[in-house]
C-alpha atoms as a PDB file:
ATOM      1  CA  UNK A   1     -17.770  55.522  57.465  1.00  0.00           C
ATOM      2  CA  UNK A   2     -18.900  52.050  58.370  1.00  0.00           C
ATOM      3  CA  UNK A   3     -22.594  51.212  58.599  1.00  0.00           C
ATOM      4  CA  UNK A   4     -22.277  50.262  62.317  1.00  0.00           C
ATOM      5  CA  UNK A   5     -21.265  53.744  63.036  1.00  0.00           C
ATOM      6  CA  UNK A   6     -24.008  55.293  60.937  1.00  0.00           C
ATOM      7  CA  UNK A   7     -26.904  53.503  62.639  1.00  0.00           C
ATOM      8  CA  UNK A   8     -26.618  55.538  65.866  1.00  0.00           C
ATOM      9  CA  UNK A   9     -26.455  58.615  63.761  1.00  0.00           C
ATOM     10  CA  UNK A  10     -29.632  57.511  61.985  1.00  0.00           C
ATOM     11  CA  UNK A  11     -31.263  56.866  65.392  1.00  0.00           C
ATOM     12  CA  UNK A  12     -30.519  60.346  66.455  1.00  0.00           C
ATOM     13  CA  UNK A  13     -31.949  61.678  63.202  1.00  0.00           C
ATOM     14  CA  UNK A  14     -35.107  59.827  63.981  1.00  0.00           C
ATOM     15  CA  UNK A  15     -35.355  61.368  67.420  1.00  0.00           C
ATOM     16  CA  UNK A  16     -35.113  64.682  65.645  1.00  0.00           C
ATOM     17  CA  UNK A  17     -37.783  63.530  63.219  1.00  0.00           C
ATOM     18  CA  UNK A  18     -40.098  62.648  66.037  1.00  0.00           C
ATOM     19  CA  UNK A  19     -39.636  66.081  67.599  1.00  0.00           C
ATOM     20  CA  UNK A  20     -40.157  67.766  64.323  1.00  0.00           C
ATOM     21  CA  UNK A  21     -43.324  65.707  63.725  1.00  0.00           C
ATOM     22  CA  UNK A  22     -44.842  66.860  66.987  1.00  0.00           C
ATOM     23  CA  UNK A  23     -44.067  70.477  66.163  1.00  0.00           C
ATOM     24  CA  UNK A  24     -45.336  70.197  62.594  1.00  0.00           C
ATOM     25  CA  UNK A  25     -48.598  68.470  63.675  1.00  0.00           C
ATOM     26  CA  UNK A  26     -49.192  71.133  66.358  1.00  0.00           C
ATOM     27  CA  UNK A  27     -48.636  73.991  63.936  1.00  0.00           C
ATOM     28  CA  UNK A  28     -50.341  72.446  60.941  1.00  0.00           C
ATOM     29  CA  UNK A  29     -53.398  70.480  62.098  1.00  0.00           C
ATOM     30  CA  UNK A  30     -55.239  71.770  59.122  1.00  0.00           C
ATOM     31  CA  UNK A  31     -52.413  70.819  56.638  1.00  0.00           C
ATOM     32  CA  UNK A  32     -52.618  67.781  54.463  1.00  0.00           C
ATOM     33  CA  UNK A  33     -50.570  64.722  55.176  1.00  0.00           C
ATOM     34  CA  UNK A  34     -48.296  65.216  52.041  1.00  0.00           C
ATOM     35  CA  UNK A  35     -47.341  68.668  53.174  1.00  0.00           C
ATOM     36  CA  UNK A  36     -46.388  67.519  56.645  1.00  0.00           C
ATOM     37  CA  UNK A  37     -44.563  64.492  55.196  1.00  0.00           C
ATOM     38  CA  UNK A  38     -42.480  66.584  52.858  1.00  0.00           C
ATOM     39  CA  UNK A  39     -41.566  69.136  55.567  1.00  0.00           C
ATOM     40  CA  UNK A  40     -40.387  66.272  57.832  1.00  0.00           C
ATOM     41  CA  UNK A  41     -38.376  64.571  55.245  1.00  0.00           C
ATOM     42  CA  UNK A  42     -36.597  67.659  54.121  1.00  0.00           C
ATOM     43  CA  UNK A  43     -35.110  67.888  57.649  1.00  0.00           C
ATOM     44  CA  UNK A  44     -33.544  64.446  57.195  1.00  0.00           C
ATOM     45  CA  UNK A  45     -31.949  65.150  53.886  1.00  0.00           C
ATOM     46  CA  UNK A  46     -29.433  62.576  52.852  1.00  0.00           C
ATOM     47  CA  UNK A  47     -30.007  60.600  56.022  1.00  0.00           C
ATOM     48  CA  UNK A  48     -33.341  59.494  54.900  1.00  0.00           C
ATOM     49  CA  UNK A  49     -32.197  56.018  53.518  1.00  0.00           C
ATOM     50  CA  UNK A  50     -30.127  55.301  56.605  1.00  0.00           C
ATOM     51  CA  UNK A  51     -33.018  56.389  58.914  1.00  0.00           C
ATOM     52  CA  UNK A  52     -35.308  53.930  57.070  1.00  0.00           C
ATOM     53  CA  UNK A  53     -32.820  51.215  57.545  1.00  0.00           C
ATOM     54  CA  UNK A  54     -32.551  51.997  61.273  1.00  0.00           C
ATOM     55  CA  UNK A  55     -36.390  51.832  61.538  1.00  0.00           C
ATOM     56  CA  UNK A  56     -36.532  48.513  59.746  1.00  0.00           C
ATOM     57  CA  UNK A  57     -33.915  47.065  62.059  1.00  0.00           C
ATOM     58  CA  UNK A  58     -35.814  48.289  65.161  1.00  0.00           C
ATOM     59  CA  UNK A  59     -39.189  47.164  63.846  1.00  0.00           C
ATOM     60  CA  UNK A  60     -37.855  43.617  63.245  1.00  0.00           C
ATOM     61  CA  UNK A  61     -36.444  43.544  66.661  1.00  0.00           C
ATOM     62  CA  UNK A  62     -39.697  44.588  68.214  1.00  0.00           C
ATOM     63  CA  UNK A  63     -41.584  41.931  66.165  1.00  0.00           C
ATOM     64  CA  UNK A  64     -39.268  39.230  67.391  1.00  0.00           C
ATOM     65  CA  UNK A  65     -40.029  40.315  70.975  1.00  0.00           C
ATOM     66  CA  UNK A  66     -43.712  40.469  70.372  1.00  0.00           C
ATOM     67  CA  UNK A  67     -44.019  44.159  71.057  1.00  0.00           C
ATOM     68  CA  UNK A  68     -46.497  44.802  68.317  1.00  0.00           C
ATOM     69  CA  UNK A  69     -47.948  48.095  69.527  1.00  0.00           C
ATOM     70  CA  UNK A  70     -44.578  49.698  69.536  1.00  0.00           C
ATOM     71  CA  UNK A  71     -43.844  48.137  66.209  1.00  0.00           C
ATOM     72  CA  UNK A  72     -46.905  49.785  64.758  1.00  0.00           C
ATOM     73  CA  UNK A  73     -45.670  53.145  65.650  1.00  0.00           C
ATOM     74  CA  UNK A  74     -42.393  52.470  63.858  1.00  0.00           C
ATOM     75  CA  UNK A  75     -44.261  51.096  60.904  1.00  0.00           C
ATOM     76  CA  UNK A  76     -46.095  54.409  60.656  1.00  0.00           C
ATOM     77  CA  UNK A  77     -42.688  56.152  60.569  1.00  0.00           C
ATOM     78  CA  UNK A  78     -41.696  53.776  57.723  1.00  0.00           C
ATOM     79  CA  UNK A  79     -44.708  54.865  55.706  1.00  0.00           C
ATOM     80  CA  UNK A  80     -43.432  58.498  56.072  1.00  0.00           C
ATOM     81  CA  UNK A  81     -39.934  57.615  55.139  1.00  0.00           C
ATOM     82  CA  UNK A  82     -40.590  55.188  52.230  1.00  0.00           C
ATOM     83  CA  UNK A  83     -44.109  55.840  50.953  1.00  0.00           C
ATOM     84  CA  UNK A  84     -43.372  54.421  47.466  1.00  0.00           C
ATOM     85  CA  UNK A  85     -42.085  51.104  48.813  1.00  0.00           C
ATOM     86  CA  UNK A  86     -45.028  48.659  48.768  1.00  0.00           C
ATOM     87  CA  UNK A  87     -43.503  46.362  51.334  1.00  0.00           C
ATOM     88  CA  UNK A  88     -43.682  49.108  53.921  1.00  0.00           C
ATOM     89  CA  UNK A  89     -47.490  49.230  53.652  1.00  0.00           C
ATOM     90  CA  UNK A  90     -47.869  45.532  53.602  1.00  0.00           C
ATOM     91  CA  UNK A  91     -45.668  45.201  56.599  1.00  0.00           C
ATOM     92  CA  UNK A  92     -47.644  47.854  58.574  1.00  0.00           C
ATOM     93  CA  UNK A  93     -51.113  46.560  57.516  1.00  0.00           C
ATOM     94  CA  UNK A  94     -50.210  42.918  58.462  1.00  0.00           C
ATOM     95  CA  UNK A  95     -49.179  43.962  61.911  1.00  0.00           C
ATOM     96  CA  UNK A  96     -52.450  45.843  62.485  1.00  0.00           C
ATOM     97  CA  UNK A  97     -54.713  43.106  61.124  1.00  0.00           C
ATOM     98  CA  UNK A  98     -53.017  40.008  62.361  1.00  0.00           C
ATOM     99  CA  UNK A  99     -50.895  40.886  65.347  1.00  0.00           C
ATOM    100  CA  UNK A 100     -52.472  43.824  67.229  1.00  0.00           C
ATOM    101  CA  UNK A 101     -56.094  42.933  66.438  1.00  0.00           C
ATOM    102  CA  UNK A 102     -55.942  39.549  68.270  1.00  0.00           C
ATOM    103  CA  UNK A 103     -54.655  41.304  71.394  1.00  0.00           C
ATOM    104  CA  UNK A 104     -57.813  43.334  71.812  1.00  0.00           C
ATOM    105  CA  UNK A 105     -60.284  42.392  74.462  1.00  0.00           C
ATOM    106  CA  UNK A 106     -63.500  42.714  72.451  1.00  0.00           C
ATOM    107  CA  UNK A 107     -64.616  41.836  68.941  1.00  0.00           C
ATOM    108  CA  UNK A 108     -65.439  45.539  68.326  1.00  0.00           C
ATOM    109  CA  UNK A 109     -61.930  46.605  69.301  1.00  0.00           C
ATOM    110  CA  UNK A 110     -60.540  43.923  66.974  1.00  0.00           C
ATOM    111  CA  UNK A 111     -62.620  45.316  64.113  1.00  0.00           C
ATOM    112  CA  UNK A 112     -61.208  48.700  64.566  1.00  0.00           C
ATOM    113  CA  UNK A 113     -57.664  47.421  63.988  1.00  0.00           C
ATOM    114  CA  UNK A 114     -58.661  45.221  61.080  1.00  0.00           C
ATOM    115  CA  UNK A 115     -60.479  48.176  59.470  1.00  0.00           C
ATOM    116  CA  UNK A 116     -57.404  50.378  60.111  1.00  0.00           C
ATOM    117  CA  UNK A 117     -55.287  47.895  58.096  1.00  0.00           C
ATOM    118  CA  UNK A 118     -57.850  47.818  55.378  1.00  0.00           C
ATOM    119  CA  UNK A 119     -57.866  51.621  55.105  1.00  0.00           C
ATOM    120  CA  UNK A 120     -54.078  51.792  55.327  1.00  0.00           C
ATOM    121  CA  UNK A 121     -53.717  49.559  52.223  1.00  0.00           C
ATOM    122  CA  UNK A 122     -56.582  50.940  50.275  1.00  0.00           C
ATOM    123  CA  UNK A 123     -56.589  54.600  51.050  1.00  0.00           C
ATOM    124  CA  UNK A 124     -52.911  55.314  51.508  1.00  0.00           C
ATOM    125  CA  UNK A 125     -50.738  52.447  50.237  1.00  0.00           C
ATOM    126  CA  UNK A 126     -52.413  52.309  46.848  1.00  0.00           C
ATOM    127  CA  UNK A 127     -52.478  56.099  46.660  1.00  0.00           C
ATOM    128  CA  UNK A 128     -48.761  56.147  46.681  1.00  0.00           C
ATOM    129  CA  UNK A 129     -48.299  52.899  44.766  1.00  0.00           C
ATOM    130  CA  UNK A 130     -51.312  52.630  42.336  1.00  0.00           C
ATOM    131  CA  UNK A 131     -49.628  49.979  40.138  1.00  0.00           C
ATOM    132  CA  UNK A 132     -48.421  47.644  42.925  1.00  0.00           C
ATOM    133  CA  UNK A 133     -49.818  44.237  42.331  1.00  0.00           C
ATOM    134  CA  UNK A 134     -48.399  43.310  45.783  1.00  0.00           C
ATOM    135  CA  UNK A 135     -50.714  45.817  47.494  1.00  0.00           C
ATOM    136  CA  UNK A 136     -53.799  44.664  45.586  1.00  0.00           C
ATOM    137  CA  UNK A 137     -52.783  41.102  46.591  1.00  0.00           C
ATOM    138  CA  UNK A 138     -52.550  42.063  50.284  1.00  0.00           C
ATOM    139  CA  UNK A 139     -55.885  43.976  50.228  1.00  0.00           C
ATOM    140  CA  UNK A 140     -57.695  41.119  48.390  1.00  0.00           C
ATOM    141  CA  UNK A 141     -56.283  38.540  50.786  1.00  0.00           C
ATOM    142  CA  UNK A 142     -57.292  40.648  53.786  1.00  0.00           C
ATOM    143  CA  UNK A 143     -60.879  40.591  52.630  1.00  0.00           C
ATOM    144  CA  UNK A 144     -60.874  36.910  51.750  1.00  0.00           C
ATOM    145  CA  UNK A 145     -58.929  35.454  54.663  1.00  0.00           C
ATOM    146  CA  UNK A 146     -59.302  37.836  57.597  1.00  0.00           C
ATOM    147  CA  UNK A 147     -62.857  39.186  57.082  1.00  0.00           C
ATOM    148  CA  UNK A 148     -64.500  36.507  54.882  1.00  0.00           C
ATOM    149  CA  UNK A 149     -63.096  33.299  56.419  1.00  0.00           C
ATOM    150  CA  UNK A 150     -63.540  32.035  59.928  1.00  0.00           C
ATOM    151  CA  UNK A 151     -59.942  32.040  61.138  1.00  0.00           C
ATOM    152  CA  UNK A 152     -60.793  34.663  63.701  1.00  0.00           C
ATOM    153  CA  UNK A 153     -63.526  34.285  66.312  1.00  0.00           C
ATOM    154  CA  UNK A 154     -64.571  37.845  65.555  1.00  0.00           C
ATOM    155  CA  UNK A 155     -65.017  37.274  61.865  1.00  0.00           C
ATOM    156  CA  UNK A 156     -68.789  37.318  62.030  1.00  0.00           C
ATOM    157  CA  UNK A 157     -68.719  40.804  63.478  1.00  0.00           C
ATOM    158  CA  UNK A 158     -66.135  41.864  60.852  1.00  0.00           C
ATOM    159  CA  UNK A 159     -68.529  40.715  58.096  1.00  0.00           C
ATOM    160  CA  UNK A 160     -71.471  42.503  59.686  1.00  0.00           C
ATOM    161  CA  UNK A 161     -69.521  45.785  60.086  1.00  0.00           C
ATOM    162  CA  UNK A 162     -68.315  45.529  56.435  1.00  0.00           C
ATOM    163  CA  UNK A 163     -71.878  45.010  55.221  1.00  0.00           C
ATOM    164  CA  UNK A 164     -73.000  48.151  56.996  1.00  0.00           C
ATOM    165  CA  UNK A 165     -70.230  50.152  55.369  1.00  0.00           C
ATOM    166  CA  UNK A 166     -71.142  48.884  51.862  1.00  0.00           C
ATOM    167  CA  UNK A 167     -74.845  49.370  52.486  1.00  0.00           C
ATOM    168  CA  UNK A 168     -74.213  53.001  53.310  1.00  0.00           C
ATOM    169  CA  UNK A 169     -72.139  53.454  50.142  1.00  0.00           C
ATOM    170  CA  UNK A 170     -74.994  51.902  48.131  1.00  0.00           C
ATOM    171  CA  UNK A 171     -77.525  54.153  49.876  1.00  0.00           C
ATOM    172  CA  UNK A 172     -75.624  57.318  49.025  1.00  0.00           C
ATOM    173  CA  UNK A 173     -73.965  56.191  45.808  1.00  0.00           C
ATOM    174  CA  UNK A 174     -70.652  57.231  47.186  1.00  0.00           C
ATOM    175  CA  UNK A 175     -68.539  54.230  46.105  1.00  0.00           C
ATOM    176  CA  UNK A 176     -65.553  56.569  45.883  1.00  0.00           C
ATOM    177  CA  UNK A 177     -65.483  56.539  49.642  1.00  0.00           C
ATOM    178  CA  UNK A 178     -64.502  52.885  49.410  1.00  0.00           C
ATOM    179  CA  UNK A 179     -62.092  53.635  46.507  1.00  0.00           C
ATOM    180  CA  UNK A 180     -64.281  51.464  44.323  1.00  0.00           C
ATOM    181  CA  UNK A 181     -65.728  52.193  40.885  1.00  0.00           C
ATOM    182  CA  UNK A 182     -69.323  51.405  40.136  1.00  0.00           C
ATOM    183  CA  UNK A 183     -68.801  50.375  36.544  1.00  0.00           C
ATOM    184  CA  UNK A 184     -65.933  47.968  37.578  1.00  0.00           C
ATOM    185  CA  UNK A 185     -68.122  46.517  40.320  1.00  0.00           C
ATOM    186  CA  UNK A 186     -70.840  45.804  37.793  1.00  0.00           C
ATOM    187  CA  UNK A 187     -68.185  44.200  35.584  1.00  0.00           C
ATOM    188  CA  UNK A 188     -66.964  42.043  38.410  1.00  0.00           C
ATOM    189  CA  UNK A 189     -70.495  41.036  39.172  1.00  0.00           C
ATOM    190  CA  UNK A 190     -71.122  39.965  35.539  1.00  0.00           C
ATOM    191  CA  UNK A 191     -67.750  38.289  34.987  1.00  0.00           C
ATOM    192  CA  UNK A 192     -67.662  36.228  38.221  1.00  0.00           C
ATOM    193  CA  UNK A 193     -71.315  35.879  39.032  1.00  0.00           C
ATOM    194  CA  UNK A 194     -71.063  37.612  42.405  1.00  0.00           C
ATOM    195  CA  UNK A 195     -74.253  39.437  43.261  1.00  0.00           C
ATOM    196  CA  UNK A 196     -73.857  40.303  46.953  1.00  0.00           C
ATOM    197  CA  UNK A 197     -71.775  43.485  47.024  1.00  0.00           C
ATOM    198  CA  UNK A 198     -71.797  43.471  50.846  1.00  0.00           C
ATOM    199  CA  UNK A 199     -69.880  40.224  50.890  1.00  0.00           C
ATOM    200  CA  UNK A 200     -66.195  40.532  51.680  1.00  0.00           C
ATOM    201  CA  UNK A 201     -65.560  37.878  48.993  1.00  0.00           C
ATOM    202  CA  UNK A 202     -66.921  40.343  46.464  1.00  0.00           C
ATOM    203  CA  UNK A 203     -64.378  42.862  47.564  1.00  0.00           C
ATOM    204  CA  UNK A 204     -61.575  40.317  47.560  1.00  0.00           C
ATOM    205  CA  UNK A 205     -62.438  39.476  43.945  1.00  0.00           C
ATOM    206  CA  UNK A 206     -62.789  43.208  43.009  1.00  0.00           C
ATOM    207  CA  UNK A 207     -59.303  44.042  44.334  1.00  0.00           C
ATOM    208  CA  UNK A 208     -57.623  40.941  42.992  1.00  0.00           C
ATOM    209  CA  UNK A 209     -59.105  41.506  39.565  1.00  0.00           C
ATOM    210  CA  UNK A 210     -57.912  45.124  39.642  1.00  0.00           C
ATOM    211  CA  UNK A 211     -54.338  43.979  40.475  1.00  0.00           C
ATOM    212  CA  UNK A 212     -54.106  41.626  37.557  1.00  0.00           C
ATOM    213  CA  UNK A 213     -53.322  44.565  35.247  1.00  0.00           C
ATOM    214  CA  UNK A 214     -50.080  45.159  37.104  1.00  0.00           C
ATOM    215  CA  UNK A 215     -49.096  41.607  38.071  1.00  0.00           C
ATOM    216  CA  UNK A 216     -46.015  39.584  37.061  1.00  0.00           C
ATOM    217  CA  UNK A 217     -46.274  35.795  36.780  1.00  0.00           C
ATOM    218  CA  UNK A 218     -46.027  35.101  40.547  1.00  0.00           C
ATOM    219  CA  UNK A 219     -48.568  37.783  41.621  1.00  0.00           C
ATOM    220  CA  UNK A 220     -50.936  36.850  38.797  1.00  0.00           C
ATOM    221  CA  UNK A 221     -51.008  33.212  40.085  1.00  0.00           C
ATOM    222  CA  UNK A 222     -51.671  34.449  43.607  1.00  0.00           C
ATOM    223  CA  UNK A 223     -54.383  36.916  42.521  1.00  0.00           C
ATOM    224  CA  UNK A 224     -56.105  34.357  40.375  1.00  0.00           C
ATOM    225  CA  UNK A 225     -56.093  31.942  43.349  1.00  0.00           C
ATOM    226  CA  UNK A 226     -57.726  34.625  45.515  1.00  0.00           C
ATOM    227  CA  UNK A 227     -60.329  35.004  42.835  1.00  0.00           C
ATOM    228  CA  UNK A 228     -60.965  31.258  42.548  1.00  0.00           C
ATOM    229  CA  UNK A 229     -61.126  30.678  46.328  1.00  0.00           C
ATOM    230  CA  UNK A 230     -63.370  33.712  46.924  1.00  0.00           C
ATOM    231  CA  UNK A 231     -65.845  32.716  44.294  1.00  0.00           C
ATOM    232  CA  UNK A 232     -65.921  29.173  45.708  1.00  0.00           C
ATOM    233  CA  UNK A 233     -66.404  30.461  49.241  1.00  0.00           C
ATOM    234  CA  UNK A 234     -69.144  32.820  48.124  1.00  0.00           C
ATOM    235  CA  UNK A 235     -70.961  30.113  46.231  1.00  0.00           C
ATOM    236  CA  UNK A 236     -70.832  27.915  49.359  1.00  0.00           C
ATOM    237  CA  UNK A 237     -72.100  30.816  51.570  1.00  0.00           C
ATOM    238  CA  UNK A 238     -75.063  31.541  49.295  1.00  0.00           C
ATOM    239  CA  UNK A 239     -75.955  27.963  48.509  1.00  0.00           C
ATOM    240  CA  UNK A 240     -79.389  26.836  49.582  1.00  0.00           C
ATOM    241  CA  UNK A 241     -79.423  25.012  52.897  1.00  0.00           C
ATOM    242  CA  UNK A 242     -79.852  21.269  52.611  1.00  0.00           C
END
């Protein structure tokens, strides 16, 4: 059977997946996400790869049309279908942080989408792909470029909100809530001379440094550049005023 004939079948399978998702979520609100995911995927069976191809095709079409909110819904479906494909998480997070966020009317609304992208990469993407240098790279770059730099007019609020989150983790000692390790944070502080843990540049370096253990030559170069730039930007930020 030719692929062109299979795509409509995959589309029908995804309609069934959507219905199954609603039923599963209604019946299993207390269930964990992995249980719901597996119950949904079992219904697709051998159509899973084809369904994923259909969603990619549709998501790319929506992106070309600037329909980012609808694209975000499909990206969520992709994370269900292919949780162990790092590109899925990068694709979904980029849409949240860079496409949808700038459509929001207030800085606070923008932050909610940027934080959602951060959590998606850190709490879910890396959970399924703990040795993906690409996801460490995306997370580090998000901290450096979207939150730390001033490419977005809402960046000052992003930094203030992130500082509050880190301050709360420091107060409670619950660094695990941020998926960060206290001993490794101290090591980053000592190795790179970064003392302000509330700075997004510190987090950028933390995640870039963590990704080096899994990086190939290309990713290693990118991660090292994030570290270099973040250290330089943090030094500039903390330099005494002239």
